Amino acid sequence: MIGAMTKSKKSRPAKGREPGHFAIGKDAFVKISAVEGIRMTSAMKKRASNARAKNLSAEKYRQIIVRSYRKD
């Protein structure tokens, strides 16, 4: 039958995520940041690339970012 309605599956949060929380991808983050006038520097891009290559957890990646901006 053409145009038959199908049942929609209930959306479940991704494994390891809590309901009510979500993550946006890199491309969406770049677009949102551009609206705010924020641009990724070459150092930021390199840090992100290294984190992806090393398959770092989000927590470990945040620690690296914090260390890079920490004033000693």
N, C-alpha and C. Protein backbone atom coordinates (compact mmCIF):
# COMPACT_ATOMS: atom_id res chain seq x y z
N MET A 1 0.84 -1.17 0.00
CA MET A 1 0.00 0.00 0.00
C MET A 1 0.90 1.25 0.00
N ILE A 2 0.62 2.14 -0.91
CA ILE A 2 1.39 3.37 -1.03
C ILE A 2 0.93 4.35 0.03
N GLY A 3 1.89 5.01 0.67
CA GLY A 3 1.57 6.01 1.66
C GLY A 3 1.14 5.45 3.01
N ALA A 4 1.38 4.16 3.23
CA ALA A 4 1.00 3.56 4.51
C ALA A 4 1.85 4.16 5.62
N MET A 5 1.23 4.39 6.74
CA MET A 5 1.95 4.94 7.88
C MET A 5 2.63 3.80 8.63
N THR A 6 3.83 4.02 9.04
CA THR A 6 4.53 3.02 9.81
C THR A 6 4.68 3.51 11.23
N LYS A 7 4.78 2.59 12.14
CA LYS A 7 5.00 2.96 13.54
C LYS A 7 6.39 3.53 13.68
N SER A 8 6.49 4.62 14.39
CA SER A 8 7.81 5.17 14.64
C SER A 8 8.39 4.54 15.89
N LYS A 9 9.67 4.29 15.84
CA LYS A 9 10.34 3.70 17.00
C LYS A 9 10.61 4.80 18.01
N LYS A 10 10.48 4.46 19.26
CA LYS A 10 10.79 5.42 20.31
C LYS A 10 12.29 5.65 20.31
N SER A 11 12.67 6.89 20.43
CA SER A 11 14.07 7.25 20.47
C SER A 11 14.65 6.91 21.84
N ARG A 12 15.75 6.21 21.84
CA ARG A 12 16.43 5.90 23.10
C ARG A 12 17.76 6.63 23.11
N PRO A 13 18.22 7.08 24.27
CA PRO A 13 19.52 7.75 24.32
C PRO A 13 20.62 6.78 23.93
N ALA A 14 21.67 7.33 23.36
CA ALA A 14 22.82 6.52 22.98
C ALA A 14 23.41 5.86 24.21
N LYS A 15 24.04 4.74 24.01
CA LYS A 15 24.64 4.00 25.12
C LYS A 15 25.61 4.91 25.88
N GLY A 16 25.48 4.93 27.19
CA GLY A 16 26.36 5.73 28.02
C GLY A 16 25.88 7.16 28.21
N ARG A 17 24.77 7.51 27.62
CA ARG A 17 24.25 8.88 27.76
C ARG A 17 23.02 8.86 28.67
N GLU A 18 22.87 9.93 29.40
CA GLU A 18 21.72 10.06 30.28
C GLU A 18 20.57 10.72 29.51
N PRO A 19 19.34 10.34 29.81
CA PRO A 19 18.21 11.01 29.17
C PRO A 19 18.25 12.51 29.45
N GLY A 20 17.92 13.31 28.47
CA GLY A 20 17.93 14.76 28.66
C GLY A 20 19.26 15.40 28.30
N HIS A 21 20.26 14.61 27.99
CA HIS A 21 21.56 15.14 27.59
C HIS A 21 21.81 14.75 26.14
N PHE A 22 22.50 15.59 25.42
CA PHE A 22 22.82 15.25 24.05
C PHE A 22 24.16 15.86 23.68
N ALA A 23 24.72 15.38 22.61
CA ALA A 23 26.00 15.91 22.12
C ALA A 23 25.81 16.31 20.67
N ILE A 24 26.46 17.40 20.30
CA ILE A 24 26.41 17.81 18.90
C ILE A 24 27.73 17.42 18.25
N GLY A 25 27.71 17.26 16.98
CA GLY A 25 28.91 16.89 16.24
C GLY A 25 29.81 18.10 15.99
N LYS A 26 30.98 17.81 15.47
CA LYS A 26 31.98 18.85 15.23
C LYS A 26 31.47 19.90 14.25
N ASP A 27 30.84 19.46 13.16
CA ASP A 27 30.37 20.41 12.16
C ASP A 27 29.32 21.36 12.72
N ALA A 28 28.39 20.83 13.50
CA ALA A 28 27.36 21.68 14.12
C ALA A 28 28.00 22.64 15.11
N PHE A 29 28.98 22.16 15.88
CA PHE A 29 29.66 23.01 16.86
C PHE A 29 30.38 24.16 16.16
N VAL A 30 31.03 23.87 15.03
CA VAL A 30 31.75 24.90 14.28
C VAL A 30 30.77 25.96 13.79
N LYS A 31 29.60 25.53 13.29
CA LYS A 31 28.61 26.48 12.79
C LYS A 31 28.06 27.36 13.91
N ILE A 32 27.77 26.76 15.04
CA ILE A 32 27.26 27.52 16.18
C ILE A 32 28.31 28.51 16.67
N SER A 33 29.54 28.05 16.74
CA SER A 33 30.63 28.92 17.20
C SER A 33 30.84 30.09 16.24
N ALA A 34 30.70 29.85 14.93
CA ALA A 34 30.89 30.91 13.94
C ALA A 34 29.88 32.03 14.15
N VAL A 35 28.65 31.68 14.52
CA VAL A 35 27.63 32.69 14.79
C VAL A 35 28.07 33.58 15.95
N GLU A 36 28.74 32.98 16.91
CA GLU A 36 29.22 33.73 18.08
C GLU A 36 30.55 34.42 17.82
N GLY A 37 31.11 34.25 16.62
CA GLY A 37 32.38 34.89 16.28
C GLY A 37 33.59 34.12 16.77
N ILE A 38 33.42 32.86 17.12
CA ILE A 38 34.51 32.03 17.63
C ILE A 38 35.03 31.16 16.49
N ARG A 39 36.32 31.19 16.27
CA ARG A 39 36.94 30.40 15.22
C ARG A 39 37.97 29.46 15.85
N MET A 40 38.08 28.25 15.31
CA MET A 40 39.08 27.30 15.81
C MET A 40 40.46 27.69 15.28
N THR A 41 41.41 27.80 16.18
CA THR A 41 42.78 28.08 15.77
C THR A 41 43.42 26.80 15.27
N SER A 42 44.57 26.94 14.64
CA SER A 42 45.27 25.74 14.15
C SER A 42 45.67 24.84 15.32
N ALA A 43 46.00 25.43 16.47
CA ALA A 43 46.36 24.64 17.65
C ALA A 43 45.15 23.83 18.14
N MET A 44 43.97 24.45 18.12
CA MET A 44 42.75 23.75 18.54
C MET A 44 42.44 22.59 17.60
N LYS A 45 42.58 22.83 16.29
CA LYS A 45 42.32 21.78 15.30
C LYS A 45 43.31 20.63 15.47
N LYS A 46 44.57 20.96 15.73
CA LYS A 46 45.58 19.92 15.91
C LYS A 46 45.29 19.10 17.17
N ARG A 47 44.91 19.78 18.26
CA ARG A 47 44.59 19.10 19.51
C ARG A 47 43.40 18.15 19.31
N ALA A 48 42.38 18.59 18.60
CA ALA A 48 41.21 17.75 18.34
C ALA A 48 41.57 16.56 17.47
N SER A 49 42.39 16.79 16.48
CA SER A 49 42.82 15.71 15.59
C SER A 49 43.62 14.66 16.35
N ASN A 50 44.52 15.11 17.21
CA ASN A 50 45.32 14.19 18.02
C ASN A 50 44.43 13.38 18.97
N ALA A 51 43.43 14.02 19.56
CA ALA A 51 42.52 13.33 20.48
C ALA A 51 41.74 12.24 19.74
N ARG A 52 41.26 12.57 18.53
CA ARG A 52 40.54 11.56 17.74
C ARG A 52 41.46 10.42 17.35
N ALA A 53 42.69 10.73 16.95
CA ALA A 53 43.64 9.70 16.53
C ALA A 53 43.97 8.75 17.68
N LYS A 54 44.03 9.30 18.91
CA LYS A 54 44.35 8.50 20.09
C LYS A 54 43.11 7.87 20.71
N ASN A 55 41.93 8.19 20.14
CA ASN A 55 40.65 7.66 20.62
C ASN A 55 40.45 7.96 22.11
N LEU A 56 40.73 9.21 22.49
CA LEU A 56 40.62 9.62 23.89
C LEU A 56 39.16 9.74 24.31
N SER A 57 38.90 9.48 25.57
CA SER A 57 37.56 9.68 26.13
C SER A 57 37.30 11.18 26.21
N ALA A 58 36.03 11.54 26.30
CA ALA A 58 35.67 12.95 26.41
C ALA A 58 36.31 13.58 27.65
N GLU A 59 36.33 12.84 28.75
CA GLU A 59 36.92 13.36 29.99
C GLU A 59 38.41 13.64 29.83
N LYS A 60 39.13 12.72 29.22
CA LYS A 60 40.57 12.89 29.02
C LYS A 60 40.83 14.07 28.08
N TYR A 61 40.02 14.19 27.04
CA TYR A 61 40.17 15.30 26.10
C TYR A 61 39.93 16.63 26.81
N ARG A 62 38.92 16.70 27.68
CA ARG A 62 38.67 17.93 28.45
C ARG A 62 39.87 18.27 29.33
N GLN A 63 40.48 17.26 29.93
CA GLN A 63 41.65 17.50 30.77
C GLN A 63 42.79 18.12 29.96
N ILE A 64 42.98 17.63 28.75
CA ILE A 64 44.04 18.15 27.89
C ILE A 64 43.75 19.61 27.52
N ILE A 65 42.49 19.92 27.22
CA ILE A 65 42.12 21.30 26.89
C ILE A 65 42.36 22.22 28.07
N VAL A 66 41.95 21.80 29.25
CA VAL A 66 42.15 22.61 30.46
C VAL A 66 43.64 22.86 30.69
N ARG A 67 44.46 21.81 30.55
CA ARG A 67 45.91 21.96 30.73
C ARG A 67 46.50 22.96 29.74
N SER A 68 45.97 22.96 28.51
CA SER A 68 46.54 23.85 27.49
C SER A 68 46.27 25.32 27.80
N TYR A 69 45.20 25.63 28.56
CA TYR A 69 44.87 27.01 28.88
C TYR A 69 45.26 27.39 30.30
N ARG A 70 45.73 26.45 31.08
CA ARG A 70 46.10 26.72 32.47
C ARG A 70 47.32 27.66 32.51
N LYS A 71 47.26 28.60 33.41
CA LYS A 71 48.40 29.51 33.61
C LYS A 71 49.20 28.96 34.78
N ASP A 72 50.42 28.64 34.52
CA ASP A 72 51.28 28.08 35.59
C ASP A 72 52.04 29.14 36.33
